[in-house]
Amino acid sequence: MSSRRSSRSRQSGSSRISDDQISDLVTKLQHLIPELRRRRSDKVSASKVLQETCNYIRNLHREVDDLSDRLSEFLASTDDYSAEAAIIRSLLDY
C-alpha cells in the first residue's frame, strides 16, 4: 500500500475520502476551469488540474484587486452626492 493511501486509511471514518471521490472532484474542477475546458483531451492529470485551479484562483484574486482599485479611484474622483456614486454605493450595500 502506498504511503499516501496508508495515511488516508488511518484517518477517521467520517473524514476519509475514496480515490473515486477524489477523481470525481478533480473532474468537476476540470470542468470549472476555463483553461482546462478548452482542451480537447479528457485525459489531464490531477496534478495539472490542481495547478491550473491554483493559477485560475490567483488570476481571479488579481482581477478583484484591480477592480477594487479602479472602483476606489472612481469613487474618489466623483462627488459623494452624485448619481453615479449613489448607484455604486447602493450596489455595494448587501
PDB file of N, CA and C in Angstrom:
ATOM      1  N   MET A   1       0.849  -1.168   0.000  1.00  0.00           N
ATOM      2  CA  MET A   1       0.000   0.000   0.000  1.00  0.00           C
ATOM      3  C   MET A   1       0.900   1.238   0.000  1.00  0.00           C
ATOM      4  N   SER A   2       0.580   2.238  -0.809  1.00  0.00           N
ATOM      5  CA  SER A   2       1.410   3.436  -0.860  1.00  0.00           C
ATOM      6  C   SER A   2       1.278   4.228   0.432  1.00  0.00           C
ATOM      7  N   SER A   3       2.264   5.089   0.685  1.00  0.00           N
ATOM      8  CA  SER A   3       2.226   5.878   1.922  1.00  0.00           C
ATOM      9  C   SER A   3       1.042   6.828   1.923  1.00  0.00           C
ATOM     10  N   ARG A   4       0.678   7.317   0.728  1.00  0.00           N
ATOM     11  CA  ARG A   4      -0.484   8.204   0.643  1.00  0.00           C
ATOM     12  C   ARG A   4      -1.757   7.468   1.039  1.00  0.00           C
ATOM     13  N   ARG A   5      -1.907   6.292   0.515  1.00  0.00           N
ATOM     14  CA  ARG A   5      -3.113   5.521   0.824  1.00  0.00           C
ATOM     15  C   ARG A   5      -3.140   5.084   2.279  1.00  0.00           C
ATOM     16  N   SER A   6      -1.991   4.688   2.809  1.00  0.00           N
ATOM     17  CA  SER A   6      -1.981   4.236   4.197  1.00  0.00           C
ATOM     18  C   SER A   6      -2.267   5.396   5.141  1.00  0.00           C
ATOM     19  N   SER A   7      -1.780   6.587   4.805  1.00  0.00           N
ATOM     20  CA  SER A   7      -2.080   7.736   5.674  1.00  0.00           C
ATOM     21  C   SER A   7      -3.570   8.082   5.581  1.00  0.00           C
ATOM     22  N   ARG A   8      -4.142   7.903   4.392  1.00  0.00           N
ATOM     23  CA  ARG A   8      -5.572   8.154   4.245  1.00  0.00           C
ATOM     24  C   ARG A   8      -6.392   7.121   5.011  1.00  0.00           C
ATOM     25  N   SER A   9      -5.920   5.880   5.013  1.00  0.00           N
ATOM     26  CA  SER A   9      -6.686   4.837   5.693  1.00  0.00           C
ATOM     27  C   SER A   9      -6.632   4.998   7.206  1.00  0.00           C
ATOM     28  N   ARG A  10      -5.628   5.718   7.705  1.00  0.00           N
ATOM     29  CA  ARG A  10      -5.532   5.955   9.142  1.00  0.00           C
ATOM     30  C   ARG A  10      -6.470   7.067   9.613  1.00  0.00           C
ATOM     31  N   GLN A  11      -7.002   7.828   8.691  1.00  0.00           N
ATOM     32  CA  GLN A  11      -7.909   8.906   9.084  1.00  0.00           C
ATOM     33  C   GLN A  11      -9.189   8.315   9.644  1.00  0.00           C
ATOM     34  N   SER A  12      -9.919   9.151  10.375  1.00  0.00           N
ATOM     35  CA  SER A  12     -11.188   8.666  10.924  1.00  0.00           C
ATOM     36  C   SER A  12     -12.161   8.376   9.794  1.00  0.00           C
ATOM     37  N   GLY A  13     -13.080   7.471  10.047  1.00  0.00           N
ATOM     38  CA  GLY A  13     -14.036   7.060   9.027  1.00  0.00           C
ATOM     39  C   GLY A  13     -14.862   8.195   8.463  1.00  0.00           C
ATOM     40  N   SER A  14     -15.195   9.189   9.258  1.00  0.00           N
ATOM     41  CA  SER A  14     -16.058  10.258   8.786  1.00  0.00           C
ATOM     42  C   SER A  14     -15.340  11.229   7.857  1.00  0.00           C
ATOM     43  N   SER A  15     -14.000  11.320   7.941  1.00  0.00           N
ATOM     44  CA  SER A  15     -13.285  12.264   7.101  1.00  0.00           C
ATOM     45  C   SER A  15     -12.549  11.586   5.947  1.00  0.00           C
ATOM     46  N   ARG A  16     -12.660  10.285   5.827  1.00  0.00           N
ATOM     47  CA  ARG A  16     -11.980   9.560   4.765  1.00  0.00           C
ATOM     48  C   ARG A  16     -12.655   9.840   3.431  1.00  0.00           C
ATOM     49  N   ILE A  17     -11.839  10.004   2.414  1.00  0.00           N
ATOM     50  CA  ILE A  17     -12.367  10.226   1.072  1.00  0.00           C
ATOM     51  C   ILE A  17     -11.754   9.169   0.163  1.00  0.00           C
ATOM     52  N   SER A  18     -12.580   8.580  -0.657  1.00  0.00           N
ATOM     53  CA  SER A  18     -12.105   7.492  -1.512  1.00  0.00           C
ATOM     54  C   SER A  18     -11.408   8.038  -2.750  1.00  0.00           C
ATOM     55  N   ASP A  19     -10.646   7.174  -3.397  1.00  0.00           N
ATOM     56  CA  ASP A  19      -9.977   7.555  -4.640  1.00  0.00           C
ATOM     57  C   ASP A  19     -11.010   7.941  -5.703  1.00  0.00           C
ATOM     58  N   ASP A  20     -12.147   7.246  -5.713  1.00  0.00           N
ATOM     59  CA  ASP A  20     -13.202   7.578  -6.672  1.00  0.00           C
ATOM     60  C   ASP A  20     -13.761   8.976  -6.415  1.00  0.00           C
ATOM     61  N   GLN A  21     -13.918   9.327  -5.148  1.00  0.00           N
ATOM     62  CA  GLN A  21     -14.415  10.659  -4.809  1.00  0.00           C
ATOM     63  C   GLN A  21     -13.409  11.731  -5.223  1.00  0.00           C
ATOM     64  N   ILE A  22     -12.130  11.462  -4.999  1.00  0.00           N
ATOM     65  CA  ILE A  22     -11.089  12.405  -5.412  1.00  0.00           C
ATOM     66  C   ILE A  22     -11.116  12.564  -6.924  1.00  0.00           C
ATOM     67  N   SER A  23     -11.215  11.474  -7.624  1.00  0.00           N
ATOM     68  CA  SER A  23     -11.272  11.518  -9.087  1.00  0.00           C
ATOM     69  C   SER A  23     -12.477  12.326  -9.565  1.00  0.00           C
ATOM     70  N   ASP A  24     -13.615  12.123  -8.920  1.00  0.00           N
ATOM     71  CA  ASP A  24     -14.828  12.857  -9.273  1.00  0.00           C
ATOM     72  C   ASP A  24     -14.655  14.358  -9.024  1.00  0.00           C
ATOM     73  N   LEU A  25     -14.046  14.707  -7.903  1.00  0.00           N
ATOM     74  CA  LEU A  25     -13.821  16.120  -7.584  1.00  0.00           C
ATOM     75  C   LEU A  25     -12.843  16.772  -8.560  1.00  0.00           C
ATOM     76  N   VAL A  26     -11.817  16.035  -8.948  1.00  0.00           N
ATOM     77  CA  VAL A  26     -10.853  16.557  -9.923  1.00  0.00           C
ATOM     78  C   VAL A  26     -11.545  16.782 -11.262  1.00  0.00           C
ATOM     79  N   THR A  27     -12.406  15.864 -11.659  1.00  0.00           N
ATOM     80  CA  THR A  27     -13.160  16.022 -12.906  1.00  0.00           C
ATOM     81  C   THR A  27     -14.067  17.251 -12.847  1.00  0.00           C
ATOM     82  N   LYS A  28     -14.719  17.450 -11.716  1.00  0.00           N
ATOM     83  CA  LYS A  28     -15.576  18.634 -11.560  1.00  0.00           C
ATOM     84  C   LYS A  28     -14.756  19.915 -11.646  1.00  0.00           C
ATOM     85  N   LEU A  29     -13.592  19.931 -11.008  1.00  0.00           N
ATOM     86  CA  LEU A  29     -12.706  21.092 -11.110  1.00  0.00           C
ATOM     87  C   LEU A  29     -12.304  21.337 -12.556  1.00  0.00           C
ATOM     88  N   GLN A  30     -11.981  20.269 -13.253  1.00  0.00           N
ATOM     89  CA  GLN A  30     -11.562  20.373 -14.647  1.00  0.00           C
ATOM     90  C   GLN A  30     -12.634  21.067 -15.488  1.00  0.00           C
ATOM     91  N   HIS A  31     -13.894  20.801 -15.192  1.00  0.00           N
ATOM     92  CA  HIS A  31     -14.988  21.406 -15.947  1.00  0.00           C
ATOM     93  C   HIS A  31     -15.240  22.863 -15.544  1.00  0.00           C
ATOM     94  N   LEU A  32     -14.759  23.259 -14.375  1.00  0.00           N
ATOM     95  CA  LEU A  32     -14.963  24.630 -13.898  1.00  0.00           C
ATOM     96  C   LEU A  32     -13.894  25.612 -14.385  1.00  0.00           C
ATOM     97  N   ILE A  33     -12.716  25.116 -14.694  1.00  0.00           N
ATOM     98  CA  ILE A  33     -11.589  25.973 -15.046  1.00  0.00           C
ATOM     99  C   ILE A  33     -11.564  26.177 -16.562  1.00  0.00           C
ATOM    100  N   PRO A  34     -11.711  27.443 -16.999  1.00  0.00           N
ATOM    101  CA  PRO A  34     -11.794  27.714 -18.446  1.00  0.00           C
ATOM    102  C   PRO A  34     -10.614  27.147 -19.248  1.00  0.00           C
ATOM    103  N   GLU A  35      -9.408  27.271 -18.752  1.00  0.00           N
ATOM    104  CA  GLU A  35      -8.228  26.778 -19.470  1.00  0.00           C
ATOM    105  C   GLU A  35      -8.315  25.275 -19.717  1.00  0.00           C
ATOM    106  N   LEU A  36      -8.866  24.545 -18.786  1.00  0.00           N
ATOM    107  CA  LEU A  36      -8.978  23.094 -18.927  1.00  0.00           C
ATOM    108  C   LEU A  36     -10.195  22.687 -19.749  1.00  0.00           C
ATOM    109  N   ARG A  37     -11.234  23.508 -19.712  1.00  0.00           N
ATOM    110  CA  ARG A  37     -12.429  23.211 -20.512  1.00  0.00           C
ATOM    111  C   ARG A  37     -12.141  23.301 -22.003  1.00  0.00           C
ATOM    112  N   ARG A  38     -11.226  24.184 -22.377  1.00  0.00           N
ATOM    113  CA  ARG A  38     -10.914  24.396 -23.792  1.00  0.00           C
ATOM    114  C   ARG A  38     -10.112  23.245 -24.397  1.00  0.00           C
ATOM    115  N   ARG A  39      -9.507  22.442 -23.567  1.00  0.00           N
ATOM    116  CA  ARG A  39      -8.694  21.336 -24.073  1.00  0.00           C
ATOM    117  C   ARG A  39      -9.587  20.240 -24.638  1.00  0.00           C
ATOM    118  N   ARG A  40      -9.139  19.663 -25.716  1.00  0.00           N
ATOM    119  CA  ARG A  40      -9.931  18.617 -26.371  1.00  0.00           C
ATOM    120  C   ARG A  40      -9.818  17.273 -25.655  1.00  0.00           C
ATOM    121  N   SER A  41      -8.709  17.038 -25.007  1.00  0.00           N
ATOM    122  CA  SER A  41      -8.483  15.743 -24.355  1.00  0.00           C
ATOM    123  C   SER A  41      -9.100  15.730 -22.961  1.00  0.00           C
ATOM    124  N   ASP A  42      -9.749  14.641 -22.619  1.00  0.00           N
ATOM    125  CA  ASP A  42     -10.290  14.471 -21.271  1.00  0.00           C
ATOM    126  C   ASP A  42      -9.219  13.985 -20.307  1.00  0.00           C
ATOM    127  N   LYS A  43      -8.095  13.536 -20.841  1.00  0.00           N
ATOM    128  CA  LYS A  43      -7.031  12.980 -20.011  1.00  0.00           C
ATOM    129  C   LYS A  43      -6.066  14.085 -19.567  1.00  0.00           C
ATOM    130  N   VAL A  44      -6.358  14.646 -18.405  1.00  0.00           N
ATOM    131  CA  VAL A  44      -5.479  15.639 -17.798  1.00  0.00           C
ATOM    132  C   VAL A  44      -5.179  15.132 -16.397  1.00  0.00           C
ATOM    133  N   SER A  45      -3.932  15.179 -16.018  1.00  0.00           N
ATOM    134  CA  SER A  45      -3.554  14.647 -14.705  1.00  0.00           C
ATOM    135  C   SER A  45      -4.179  15.487 -13.587  1.00  0.00           C
ATOM    136  N   ALA A  46      -4.383  14.839 -12.463  1.00  0.00           N
ATOM    137  CA  ALA A  46      -4.923  15.542 -11.294  1.00  0.00           C
ATOM    138  C   ALA A  46      -3.984  16.663 -10.886  1.00  0.00           C
ATOM    139  N   SER A  47      -2.701  16.431 -11.004  1.00  0.00           N
ATOM    140  CA  SER A  47      -1.707  17.448 -10.680  1.00  0.00           C
ATOM    141  C   SER A  47      -1.897  18.684 -11.549  1.00  0.00           C
ATOM    142  N   LYS A  48      -2.099  18.477 -12.838  1.00  0.00           N
ATOM    143  CA  LYS A  48      -2.299  19.596 -13.776  1.00  0.00           C
ATOM    144  C   LYS A  48      -3.602  20.338 -13.450  1.00  0.00           C
ATOM    145  N   VAL A  49      -4.642  19.597 -13.120  1.00  0.00           N
ATOM    146  CA  VAL A  49      -5.924  20.220 -12.768  1.00  0.00           C
ATOM    147  C   VAL A  49      -5.753  21.095 -11.528  1.00  0.00           C
ATOM    148  N   LEU A  50      -5.062  20.584 -10.525  1.00  0.00           N
ATOM    149  CA  LEU A  50      -4.856  21.364  -9.302  1.00  0.00           C
ATOM    150  C   LEU A  50      -3.977  22.577  -9.566  1.00  0.00           C
ATOM    151  N   GLN A  51      -2.948  22.411 -10.392  1.00  0.00           N
ATOM    152  CA  GLN A  51      -2.071  23.536 -10.737  1.00  0.00           C
ATOM    153  C   GLN A  51      -2.856  24.616 -11.477  1.00  0.00           C
ATOM    154  N   GLU A  52      -3.650  24.237 -12.462  1.00  0.00           N
ATOM    155  CA  GLU A  52      -4.445  25.199 -13.224  1.00  0.00           C
ATOM    156  C   GLU A  52      -5.506  25.858 -12.347  1.00  0.00           C
ATOM    157  N   THR A  53      -6.059  25.106 -11.399  1.00  0.00           N
ATOM    158  CA  THR A  53      -7.042  25.663 -10.474  1.00  0.00           C
ATOM    159  C   THR A  53      -6.399  26.748  -9.621  1.00  0.00           C
ATOM    160  N   CYS A  54      -5.212  26.477  -9.113  1.00  0.00           N
ATOM    161  CA  CYS A  54      -4.488  27.483  -8.312  1.00  0.00           C
ATOM    162  C   CYS A  54      -4.184  28.723  -9.145  1.00  0.00           C
ATOM    163  N   ASN A  55      -3.737  28.523 -10.376  1.00  0.00           N
ATOM    164  CA  ASN A  55      -3.460  29.662 -11.266  1.00  0.00           C
ATOM    165  C   ASN A  55      -4.720  30.481 -11.515  1.00  0.00           C
ATOM    166  N   TYR A  56      -5.820  29.788 -11.743  1.00  0.00           N
ATOM    167  CA  TYR A  56      -7.092  30.465 -12.008  1.00  0.00           C
ATOM    168  C   TYR A  56      -7.534  31.289 -10.799  1.00  0.00           C
ATOM    169  N   ILE A  57      -7.410  30.722  -9.619  1.00  0.00           N
ATOM    170  CA  ILE A  57      -7.796  31.437  -8.396  1.00  0.00           C
ATOM    171  C   ILE A  57      -6.896  32.658  -8.189  1.00  0.00           C
ATOM    172  N   ARG A  58      -5.581  32.486  -8.433  1.00  0.00           N
ATOM    173  CA  ARG A  58      -4.663  33.628  -8.319  1.00  0.00           C
ATOM    174  C   ARG A  58      -5.055  34.745  -9.286  1.00  0.00           C
ATOM    175  N   ASN A  59      -5.404  34.374 -10.522  1.00  0.00           N
ATOM    176  CA  ASN A  59      -5.822  35.369 -11.509  1.00  0.00           C
ATOM    177  C   ASN A  59      -7.111  36.062 -11.081  1.00  0.00           C
ATOM    178  N   LEU A  60      -8.040  35.308 -10.520  1.00  0.00           N
ATOM    179  CA  LEU A  60      -9.280  35.920 -10.034  1.00  0.00           C
ATOM    180  C   LEU A  60      -8.988  36.917  -8.913  1.00  0.00           C
ATOM    181  N   HIS A  61      -8.071  36.564  -8.023  1.00  0.00           N
ATOM    182  CA  HIS A  61      -7.688  37.486  -6.942  1.00  0.00           C
ATOM    183  C   HIS A  61      -7.094  38.773  -7.516  1.00  0.00           C
ATOM    184  N   ARG A  62      -6.240  38.639  -8.537  1.00  0.00           N
ATOM    185  CA  ARG A  62      -5.655  39.829  -9.173  1.00  0.00           C
ATOM    186  C   ARG A  62      -6.743  40.693  -9.808  1.00  0.00           C
ATOM    187  N   GLU A  63      -7.695  40.063 -10.483  1.00  0.00           N
ATOM    188  CA  GLU A  63      -8.784  40.807 -11.109  1.00  0.00           C
ATOM    189  C   GLU A  63      -9.620  41.540 -10.067  1.00  0.00           C
ATOM    190  N   VAL A  64      -9.919  40.879  -8.968  1.00  0.00           N
ATOM    191  CA  VAL A  64     -10.689  41.504  -7.891  1.00  0.00           C
ATOM    192  C   VAL A  64      -9.925  42.696  -7.329  1.00  0.00           C
ATOM    193  N   ASP A  65      -8.627  42.516  -7.089  1.00  0.00           N
ATOM    194  CA  ASP A  65      -7.812  43.620  -6.580  1.00  0.00           C
ATOM    195  C   ASP A  65      -7.794  44.793  -7.555  1.00  0.00           C
ATOM    196  N   ASP A  66      -7.633  44.498  -8.836  1.00  0.00           N
ATOM    197  CA  ASP A  66      -7.607  45.549  -9.857  1.00  0.00           C
ATOM    198  C   ASP A  66      -8.942  46.288  -9.914  1.00  0.00           C
ATOM    199  N   LEU A  67     -10.032  45.539  -9.921  1.00  0.00           N
ATOM    200  CA  LEU A  67     -11.359  46.172  -9.969  1.00  0.00           C
ATOM    201  C   LEU A  67     -11.630  46.985  -8.703  1.00  0.00           C
ATOM    202  N   SER A  68     -11.176  46.492  -7.572  1.00  0.00           N
ATOM    203  CA  SER A  68     -11.341  47.225  -6.323  1.00  0.00           C
ATOM    204  C   SER A  68     -10.573  48.544  -6.367  1.00  0.00           C
ATOM    205  N   ASP A  69      -9.335  48.496  -6.873  1.00  0.00           N
ATOM    206  CA  ASP A  69      -8.538  49.719  -7.005  1.00  0.00           C
ATOM    207  C   ASP A  69      -9.204  50.707  -7.959  1.00  0.00           C
ATOM    208  N   ARG A  70      -9.682  50.204  -9.082  1.00  0.00           N
ATOM    209  CA  ARG A  70     -10.342  51.079 -10.071  1.00  0.00           C
ATOM    210  C   ARG A  70     -11.610  51.696  -9.498  1.00  0.00           C
ATOM    211  N   LEU A  71     -12.367  50.913  -8.754  1.00  0.00           N
ATOM    212  CA  LEU A  71     -13.583  51.422  -8.134  1.00  0.00           C
ATOM    213  C   LEU A  71     -13.250  52.486  -7.089  1.00  0.00           C
ATOM    214  N   SER A  72     -12.223  52.244  -6.306  1.00  0.00           N
ATOM    215  CA  SER A  72     -11.808  53.230  -5.298  1.00  0.00           C
ATOM    216  C   SER A  72     -11.384  54.531  -5.959  1.00  0.00           C
ATOM    217  N   GLU A  73     -10.621  54.433  -7.044  1.00  0.00           N
ATOM    218  CA  GLU A  73     -10.196  55.630  -7.781  1.00  0.00           C
ATOM    219  C   GLU A  73     -11.402  56.369  -8.342  1.00  0.00           C
ATOM    220  N   PHE A  74     -12.346  55.626  -8.889  1.00  0.00           N
ATOM    221  CA  PHE A  74     -13.536  56.255  -9.452  1.00  0.00           C
ATOM    222  C   PHE A  74     -14.331  56.977  -8.370  1.00  0.00           C
ATOM    223  N   LEU A  75     -14.553  56.298  -7.252  1.00  0.00           N
ATOM    224  CA  LEU A  75     -15.321  56.911  -6.169  1.00  0.00           C
ATOM    225  C   LEU A  75     -14.605  58.138  -5.601  1.00  0.00           C
ATOM    226  N   ALA A  76     -13.281  58.082  -5.559  1.00  0.00           N
ATOM    227  CA  ALA A  76     -12.516  59.226  -5.050  1.00  0.00           C
ATOM    228  C   ALA A  76     -12.610  60.415  -6.001  1.00  0.00           C
ATOM    229  N   SER A  77     -12.850  60.156  -7.274  1.00  0.00           N
ATOM    230  CA  SER A  77     -12.903  61.242  -8.259  1.00  0.00           C
ATOM    231  C   SER A  77     -14.318  61.777  -8.479  1.00  0.00           C
ATOM    232  N   THR A  78     -15.315  61.186  -7.857  1.00  0.00           N
ATOM    233  CA  THR A  78     -16.690  61.654  -8.042  1.00  0.00           C
ATOM    234  C   THR A  78     -17.172  62.381  -6.797  1.00  0.00           C
ATOM    235  N   ASP A  79     -18.140  63.191  -7.027  1.00  0.00           N
ATOM    236  CA  ASP A  79     -18.791  63.900  -5.925  1.00  0.00           C
ATOM    237  C   ASP A  79     -19.539  62.865  -5.087  1.00  0.00           C
ATOM    238  N   ASP A  80     -19.406  62.950  -3.763  1.00  0.00           N
ATOM    239  CA  ASP A  80     -20.065  61.986  -2.871  1.00  0.00           C
ATOM    240  C   ASP A  80     -21.571  61.923  -3.080  1.00  0.00           C
ATOM    241  N   TYR A  81     -22.145  62.991  -3.562  1.00  0.00           N
ATOM    242  CA  TYR A  81     -23.599  63.059  -3.712  1.00  0.00           C
ATOM    243  C   TYR A  81     -24.048  62.920  -5.157  1.00  0.00           C
ATOM    244  N   SER A  82     -23.136  62.533  -6.050  1.00  0.00           N
ATOM    245  CA  SER A  82     -23.510  62.373  -7.457  1.00  0.00           C
ATOM    246  C   SER A  82     -24.381  61.135  -7.631  1.00  0.00           C
ATOM    247  N   ALA A  83     -25.112  61.115  -8.720  1.00  0.00           N
ATOM    248  CA  ALA A  83     -25.982  59.972  -9.019  1.00  0.00           C
ATOM    249  C   ALA A  83     -25.162  58.704  -9.213  1.00  0.00           C
ATOM    250  N   GLU A  84     -23.987  58.843  -9.882  1.00  0.00           N
ATOM    251  CA  GLU A  84     -23.141  57.670 -10.121  1.00  0.00           C
ATOM    252  C   GLU A  84     -22.649  57.075  -8.804  1.00  0.00           C
ATOM    253  N   ALA A  85     -22.188  57.936  -7.911  1.00  0.00           N
ATOM    254  CA  ALA A  85     -21.687  57.462  -6.620  1.00  0.00           C
ATOM    255  C   ALA A  85     -22.807  56.804  -5.817  1.00  0.00           C
ATOM    256  N   ALA A  86     -23.996  57.380  -5.869  1.00  0.00           N
ATOM    257  CA  ALA A  86     -25.130  56.818  -5.135  1.00  0.00           C
ATOM    258  C   ALA A  86     -25.498  55.433  -5.670  1.00  0.00           C
ATOM    259  N   ILE A  87     -25.466  55.287  -6.989  1.00  0.00           N
ATOM    260  CA  ILE A  87     -25.792  53.992  -7.602  1.00  0.00           C
ATOM    261  C   ILE A  87     -24.763  52.944  -7.182  1.00  0.00           C
ATOM    262  N   ILE A  88     -23.493  53.299  -7.269  1.00  0.00           N
ATOM    263  CA  ILE A  88     -22.439  52.348  -6.908  1.00  0.00           C
ATOM    264  C   ILE A  88     -22.536  51.972  -5.439  1.00  0.00           C
ATOM    265  N   ARG A  89     -22.750  52.962  -4.593  1.00  0.00           N
ATOM    266  CA  ARG A  89     -22.862  52.647  -3.159  1.00  0.00           C
ATOM    267  C   ARG A  89     -24.070  51.758  -2.884  1.00  0.00           C
ATOM    268  N   SER A  90     -25.166  51.987  -3.595  1.00  0.00           N
ATOM    269  CA  SER A  90     -26.353  51.140  -3.372  1.00  0.00           C
ATOM    270  C   SER A  90     -26.081  49.700  -3.834  1.00  0.00           C
ATOM    271  N   LEU A  91     -25.267  49.545  -4.870  1.00  0.00           N
ATOM    272  CA  LEU A  91     -24.913  48.200  -5.337  1.00  0.00           C
ATOM    273  C   LEU A  91     -23.976  47.498  -4.375  1.00  0.00           C
ATOM    274  N   LEU A  92     -23.155  48.271  -3.672  1.00  0.00           N
ATOM    275  CA  LEU A  92     -22.198  47.683  -2.732  1.00  0.00           C
ATOM    276  C   LEU A  92     -22.811  47.363  -1.384  1.00  0.00           C
ATOM    277  N   ASP A  93     -23.957  47.945  -1.074  1.00  0.00           N
ATOM    278  CA  ASP A  93     -24.655  47.644   0.179  1.00  0.00           C
ATOM    279  C   ASP A  93     -25.366  46.314   0.011  1.00  0.00           C
ATOM    280  N   TYR A  94     -24.898  45.337   0.715  1.00  0.00           N
ATOM    281  CA  TYR A  94     -25.502  43.988   0.590  1.00  0.00           C
ATOM    282  C   TYR A  94     -26.735  43.910   1.444  1.00  0.00           C
TER     283      TYR A  94
END
